[in-house]
N, C-alpha and C. Protein backbone atom coordinates (compact mmCIF):
# COMPACT_ATOMS: atom_id res chain seq x y z
N MET A 1 4.66 12.23 -0.25
CA MET A 1 3.35 12.15 0.56
C MET A 1 3.07 11.11 0.96
N LYS A 2 2.86 11.19 2.20
CA LYS A 2 2.64 9.73 2.25
C LYS A 2 0.94 9.33 2.00
N MET A 3 1.39 7.93 1.50
CA MET A 3 -0.13 7.22 0.96
C MET A 3 -0.19 5.97 1.41
N LEU A 4 -1.57 5.25 1.77
CA LEU A 4 -1.57 3.68 1.99
C LEU A 4 -2.23 2.99 0.99
N LEU A 5 -0.81 2.06 1.35
CA LEU A 5 -1.00 1.07 -0.09
C LEU A 5 -2.08 -0.32 0.51
N THR A 6 -2.92 -0.58 -0.11
CA THR A 6 -3.81 -1.60 0.12
C THR A 6 -3.68 -2.85 -0.92
N VAL A 7 -3.45 -3.90 -0.72
CA VAL A 7 -2.83 -5.33 -1.22
C VAL A 7 -3.74 -6.50 -1.06
N GLU A 8 -4.30 -6.65 -2.24
CA GLU A 8 -4.98 -8.06 -2.22
C GLU A 8 -4.42 -9.04 -3.01
N PHE A 9 -4.07 -10.07 -2.00
CA PHE A 9 -3.45 -10.98 -2.98
C PHE A 9 -4.37 -12.24 -3.21
N PRO A 10 -4.31 -12.78 -4.40
CA PRO A 10 -5.38 -13.82 -4.90
C PRO A 10 -4.92 -15.04 -4.36
N LEU A 11 -5.57 -16.27 -4.26
CA LEU A 11 -5.50 -17.55 -3.89
C LEU A 11 -3.79 -17.91 -4.42
N GLU A 12 -3.71 -17.75 -5.44
CA GLU A 12 -2.50 -17.87 -6.52
C GLU A 12 -1.98 -17.05 -7.18
N PRO A 13 -0.74 -17.20 -6.64
CA PRO A 13 0.68 -18.09 -6.75
C PRO A 13 1.00 -17.86 -5.31
N PHE A 14 -0.42 -17.13 -4.00
CA PHE A 14 0.45 -17.33 -3.31
C PHE A 14 0.46 -19.01 -2.38
N ASN A 15 -0.93 -19.67 -2.79
CA ASN A 15 -0.83 -20.68 -1.86
C ASN A 15 0.43 -21.48 -2.29
N SER A 16 0.67 -21.95 -3.38
CA SER A 16 2.29 -22.44 -3.82
C SER A 16 3.50 -22.13 -3.37
N LEU A 17 3.26 -20.40 -3.45
CA LEU A 17 4.51 -20.17 -2.54
C LEU A 17 4.43 -20.62 -0.75
N VAL A 18 3.29 -20.81 -0.53
CA VAL A 18 3.52 -20.77 1.22
C VAL A 18 3.41 -22.76 1.08
N ILE A 19 3.24 -23.17 0.17
CA ILE A 19 3.26 -24.63 0.49
C ILE A 19 4.80 -25.25 0.24
N ASN A 20 5.31 -24.73 -1.32
CA ASN A 20 7.17 -24.39 -1.35
C ASN A 20 7.08 -23.39 -0.05
N GLY A 21 7.32 -23.03 0.62
CA GLY A 21 8.25 -22.79 1.48
C GLY A 21 9.31 -21.69 0.72
N LYS A 22 8.51 -20.95 -0.12
CA LYS A 22 9.21 -19.53 -0.51
C LYS A 22 8.33 -18.07 -0.06
N ILE A 23 7.45 -18.20 0.63
CA ILE A 23 6.92 -16.91 0.43
C ILE A 23 7.12 -16.00 1.47
N GLY A 24 8.03 -16.37 2.40
CA GLY A 24 8.48 -15.36 3.37
C GLY A 24 9.48 -14.42 2.86
N ALA A 25 10.35 -15.61 1.52
CA ALA A 25 11.81 -14.74 0.66
C ALA A 25 11.14 -13.81 -0.09
N VAL A 26 9.88 -13.88 -1.01
CA VAL A 26 9.32 -13.38 -1.41
C VAL A 26 8.53 -11.82 -0.86
N ILE A 27 7.97 -12.11 0.22
CA ILE A 27 7.76 -10.72 0.94
C ILE A 27 8.78 -10.10 1.46
N GLY A 28 9.40 -11.06 1.73
CA GLY A 28 10.95 -10.31 2.60
C GLY A 28 11.64 -9.04 1.63
N SER A 29 11.62 -9.54 0.50
CA SER A 29 12.42 -9.24 -1.08
C SER A 29 11.56 -7.89 -1.01
N ILE A 30 10.09 -8.05 -1.47
CA ILE A 30 9.66 -7.08 -1.26
C ILE A 30 9.55 -5.22 -0.68
N LEU A 31 9.45 -6.03 0.57
CA LEU A 31 9.54 -5.30 1.71
C LEU A 31 10.77 -4.79 1.95
N GLU A 32 11.76 -5.08 1.55
CA GLU A 32 13.27 -4.58 1.69
C GLU A 32 13.38 -3.82 0.44
N THR A 33 12.82 -3.91 -0.60
CA THR A 33 13.10 -3.33 -1.42
C THR A 33 12.01 -1.47 -1.89
N ILE A 34 10.84 -2.00 -1.14
CA ILE A 34 10.03 -0.80 -1.19
C ILE A 34 10.50 0.05 0.04
N LYS A 35 10.61 -1.03 1.75
CA LYS A 35 10.93 -0.23 2.57
C LYS A 35 9.80 0.82 3.26
N PRO A 36 8.39 0.18 3.46
CA PRO A 36 7.10 1.21 3.62
C PRO A 36 7.57 1.29 5.14
N GLU A 37 7.04 2.28 5.02
CA GLU A 37 7.07 3.32 7.04
C GLU A 37 6.34 2.26 7.94
N MET A 38 5.52 1.32 7.56
CA MET A 38 4.66 0.71 8.81
C MET A 38 4.35 -0.59 7.57
N THR A 39 3.84 -1.92 8.04
CA THR A 39 3.54 -2.92 7.15
C THR A 39 2.59 -3.66 7.97
N TYR A 40 1.13 -4.42 7.79
CA TYR A 40 0.70 -4.99 8.54
C TYR A 40 -0.43 -5.84 7.30
N PHE A 41 -0.24 -6.78 8.34
CA PHE A 41 -0.91 -8.05 7.09
C PHE A 41 -2.60 -8.43 7.37
N THR A 42 -3.23 -8.68 6.47
CA THR A 42 -4.84 -8.53 7.48
C THR A 42 -5.91 -9.25 6.22
N GLU A 43 -6.66 -9.62 6.81
CA GLU A 43 -7.86 -10.46 5.66
C GLU A 43 -8.61 -9.06 5.40
N GLN A 44 -8.90 -9.13 3.65
CA GLN A 44 -9.65 -7.83 2.87
C GLN A 44 -10.46 -9.19 2.38
N ASP A 45 -11.74 -8.80 2.82
CA ASP A 45 -13.14 -9.36 2.03
C ASP A 45 -12.58 -11.10 1.53
N GLY A 46 -12.30 -11.97 2.73
CA GLY A 46 -12.08 -13.14 2.31
C GLY A 46 -10.66 -13.45 1.73
N LYS A 47 -9.86 -12.54 1.25
CA LYS A 47 -8.69 -12.86 1.24
C LYS A 47 -7.50 -12.36 1.34
N ARG A 48 -6.31 -13.15 1.80
CA ARG A 48 -5.45 -12.49 2.25
C ARG A 48 -4.86 -10.79 1.85
N GLY A 49 -4.57 -9.98 2.30
CA GLY A 49 -3.84 -8.92 2.01
C GLY A 49 -2.81 -7.79 3.40
N ALA A 50 -2.75 -7.23 2.77
CA ALA A 50 -1.43 -6.19 2.88
C ALA A 50 -1.86 -4.95 3.54
N LEU A 51 -1.63 -4.10 4.41
CA LEU A 51 -1.68 -2.77 4.45
C LEU A 51 -0.25 -1.76 4.53
N LEU A 52 -0.46 -1.13 3.75
CA LEU A 52 1.18 -0.43 4.19
C LEU A 52 1.32 1.09 3.95
N VAL A 53 2.17 1.28 4.70
CA VAL A 53 2.07 3.21 4.29
C VAL A 53 3.76 3.09 3.38
N VAL A 54 3.45 4.47 2.83
CA VAL A 54 4.53 4.47 1.81
C VAL A 54 4.88 6.09 1.28
N ASN A 55 5.49 6.00 1.02
CA ASN A 55 5.75 7.89 1.01
C ASN A 55 6.06 8.06 -0.62
N VAL A 56 5.11 8.56 -1.81
CA VAL A 56 5.12 8.83 -2.87
C VAL A 56 5.20 10.29 -3.37
N ASN A 57 6.50 10.72 -3.28
CA ASN A 57 6.75 11.85 -3.61
C ASN A 57 6.16 12.38 -5.35
N GLN A 58 6.28 11.60 -5.97
CA GLN A 58 5.70 12.00 -7.36
C GLN A 58 4.65 10.77 -7.99
N PRO A 59 4.05 10.99 -9.13
CA PRO A 59 3.17 10.08 -9.33
C PRO A 59 4.10 8.42 -9.91
N SER A 60 5.24 9.44 -10.65
CA SER A 60 5.80 8.24 -11.27
C SER A 60 6.42 7.16 -10.70
N ASP A 61 6.30 7.14 -8.90
CA ASP A 61 6.88 6.52 -8.31
C ASP A 61 5.87 5.11 -7.59
N VAL A 62 4.84 5.85 -8.43
CA VAL A 62 3.70 4.22 -7.91
C VAL A 62 4.03 2.98 -8.41
N PRO A 63 4.87 2.57 -9.19
CA PRO A 63 4.88 1.59 -9.94
C PRO A 63 6.32 1.13 -9.45
N PHE A 64 6.89 1.53 -8.39
CA PHE A 64 8.20 1.12 -7.85
C PHE A 64 7.31 0.38 -6.46
N TYR A 65 6.20 0.71 -6.01
CA TYR A 65 5.77 -0.08 -4.84
C TYR A 65 4.91 -0.87 -5.59
N ALA A 66 3.76 -0.75 -6.28
CA ALA A 66 2.44 -1.98 -6.56
C ALA A 66 3.24 -2.84 -7.75
N GLU A 67 4.64 -2.38 -8.74
CA GLU A 67 4.86 -3.74 -9.58
C GLU A 67 5.45 -5.43 -8.87
N PRO A 68 5.99 -4.76 -7.55
CA PRO A 68 6.37 -5.80 -6.94
C PRO A 68 5.58 -6.97 -6.52
N PHE A 69 3.99 -6.40 -5.95
CA PHE A 69 2.93 -6.87 -5.93
C PHE A 69 2.17 -7.51 -7.27
N PHE A 70 2.32 -6.57 -8.45
CA PHE A 70 1.71 -7.78 -9.42
C PHE A 70 2.17 -8.63 -9.97
N LEU A 71 3.95 -7.97 -10.41
CA LEU A 71 4.56 -9.36 -11.00
C LEU A 71 5.03 -10.68 -10.25
N LYS A 72 4.78 -10.85 -8.94
CA LYS A 72 5.46 -11.55 -8.35
C LYS A 72 4.60 -12.20 -7.67
N LEU A 73 3.25 -12.11 -6.88
CA LEU A 73 1.86 -11.98 -6.51
C LEU A 73 0.66 -11.93 -7.21
N ASN A 74 0.56 -11.36 -8.22
CA ASN A 74 -0.70 -11.44 -8.93
C ASN A 74 -1.64 -10.37 -7.74
N GLY A 75 -0.81 -9.67 -7.20
CA GLY A 75 -1.53 -8.57 -6.08
C GLY A 75 -2.45 -7.40 -6.62
N ALA A 76 -3.65 -7.02 -6.49
CA ALA A 76 -4.37 -5.76 -7.17
C ALA A 76 -4.12 -4.70 -5.87
N CYS A 77 -3.60 -3.77 -6.32
CA CYS A 77 -2.95 -2.94 -5.55
C CYS A 77 -3.59 -1.31 -5.32
N LYS A 78 -4.11 -0.93 -4.27
CA LYS A 78 -4.77 0.54 -4.40
C LYS A 78 -3.98 1.81 -3.23
N PHE A 79 -4.17 2.71 -3.88
CA PHE A 79 -3.62 3.70 -3.18
C PHE A 79 -4.41 5.02 -3.25
N ARG A 80 -4.27 5.47 -1.24
CA ARG A 80 -4.82 6.17 -0.65
C ARG A 80 -4.36 7.53 0.09
N ILE A 81 -4.48 8.58 -0.62
CA ILE A 81 -3.62 9.83 0.46
C ILE A 81 -3.65 9.61 1.94
N LEU A 82 -2.76 9.98 2.38
CA LEU A 82 -3.06 9.79 4.26
C LEU A 82 -2.37 11.66 4.37
N MET A 83 -3.12 12.04 5.49
CA MET A 83 -2.95 13.55 5.79
C MET A 83 -3.00 13.09 7.61
N SER A 84 -1.95 13.81 8.25
CA SER A 84 -1.86 13.96 9.55
C SER A 84 -2.64 14.69 9.95
N PRO A 85 -2.73 14.96 11.67
CA PRO A 85 -3.65 16.46 12.06
C PRO A 85 -2.84 17.15 11.56
N GLU A 86 -1.62 17.46 11.31
CA GLU A 86 -0.78 18.56 11.07
C GLU A 86 -1.02 19.05 9.52
N ASP A 87 -1.41 18.09 8.51
CA ASP A 87 -1.66 17.96 7.38
C ASP A 87 -3.06 19.12 7.15
N LEU A 88 -4.10 18.45 8.26
CA LEU A 88 -5.41 18.62 7.92
C LEU A 88 -5.26 19.88 8.11
N GLN A 89 -5.19 20.37 9.36
CA GLN A 89 -5.03 22.20 9.89
C GLN A 89 -4.51 22.82 8.81
N ASN A 90 -3.37 22.39 8.13
CA ASN A 90 -2.98 23.24 6.79
C ASN A 90 -3.30 23.10 5.83
N ALA A 91 -4.77 22.57 5.34
CA ALA A 91 -5.24 22.45 4.44
C ALA A 91 -6.59 23.72 3.95
N GLY A 92 -6.09 24.51 5.11
CA GLY A 92 -7.26 25.92 5.00
C GLY A 92 -8.91 25.50 4.66
N LEU A 93 -9.00 24.65 5.60
CA LEU A 93 -10.88 24.45 5.48
C LEU A 93 -11.59 25.73 6.06
N ASP A 94 -10.89 26.32 6.86
CA ASP A 94 -11.90 27.74 6.98
C ASP A 94 -12.00 28.31 5.68
N ALA A 95 -11.26 28.73 5.03
CA ALA A 95 -11.30 29.72 4.02
C ALA A 95 -11.89 28.10 2.76
N ILE A 96 -12.20 27.67 2.62
CA ILE A 96 -13.00 26.91 1.59
C ILE A 96 -14.06 27.03 2.26
N ASP A 97 -14.29 26.94 3.60
CA ASP A 97 -15.62 26.57 4.23
C ASP A 97 -16.58 28.40 3.57
N LYS A 98 -16.03 29.18 3.55
CA LYS A 98 -16.32 30.63 3.57
C LYS A 98 -16.38 30.74 2.22
N GLN A 99 -15.43 30.46 1.49
CA GLN A 99 -16.11 30.68 -0.17
C GLN A 99 -16.85 29.51 -0.51
N TRP A 100 -17.30 28.21 -0.45
CA TRP A 100 -18.50 27.54 -0.59
C TRP A 100 -19.96 27.26 0.48
N SER A 101 -19.94 28.55 1.18
CA SER A 101 -20.87 28.50 2.39
C SER A 101 -21.66 29.62 1.47
């Protein structure tokens, strides 16, 4: 299932990796390993952050995506389920409405 992986990076060790010219290699290695469908870097609550779309087939896949950010960058990770318009159409909302109305 497609999930939005939101990562928030604390100032350290990110700042030190930038100063030492190593952040590109660290981020590149993580992205090459987890192969997200899409990646965007952004600000989150005044801190550096990233938004990635990943495909999680089973719950045990979550550490594969999160641990590199935890271990290399002290990142905080959050996962949110993503639905396409087709997924929403297949959700059976009409039947749910009838059951709960």
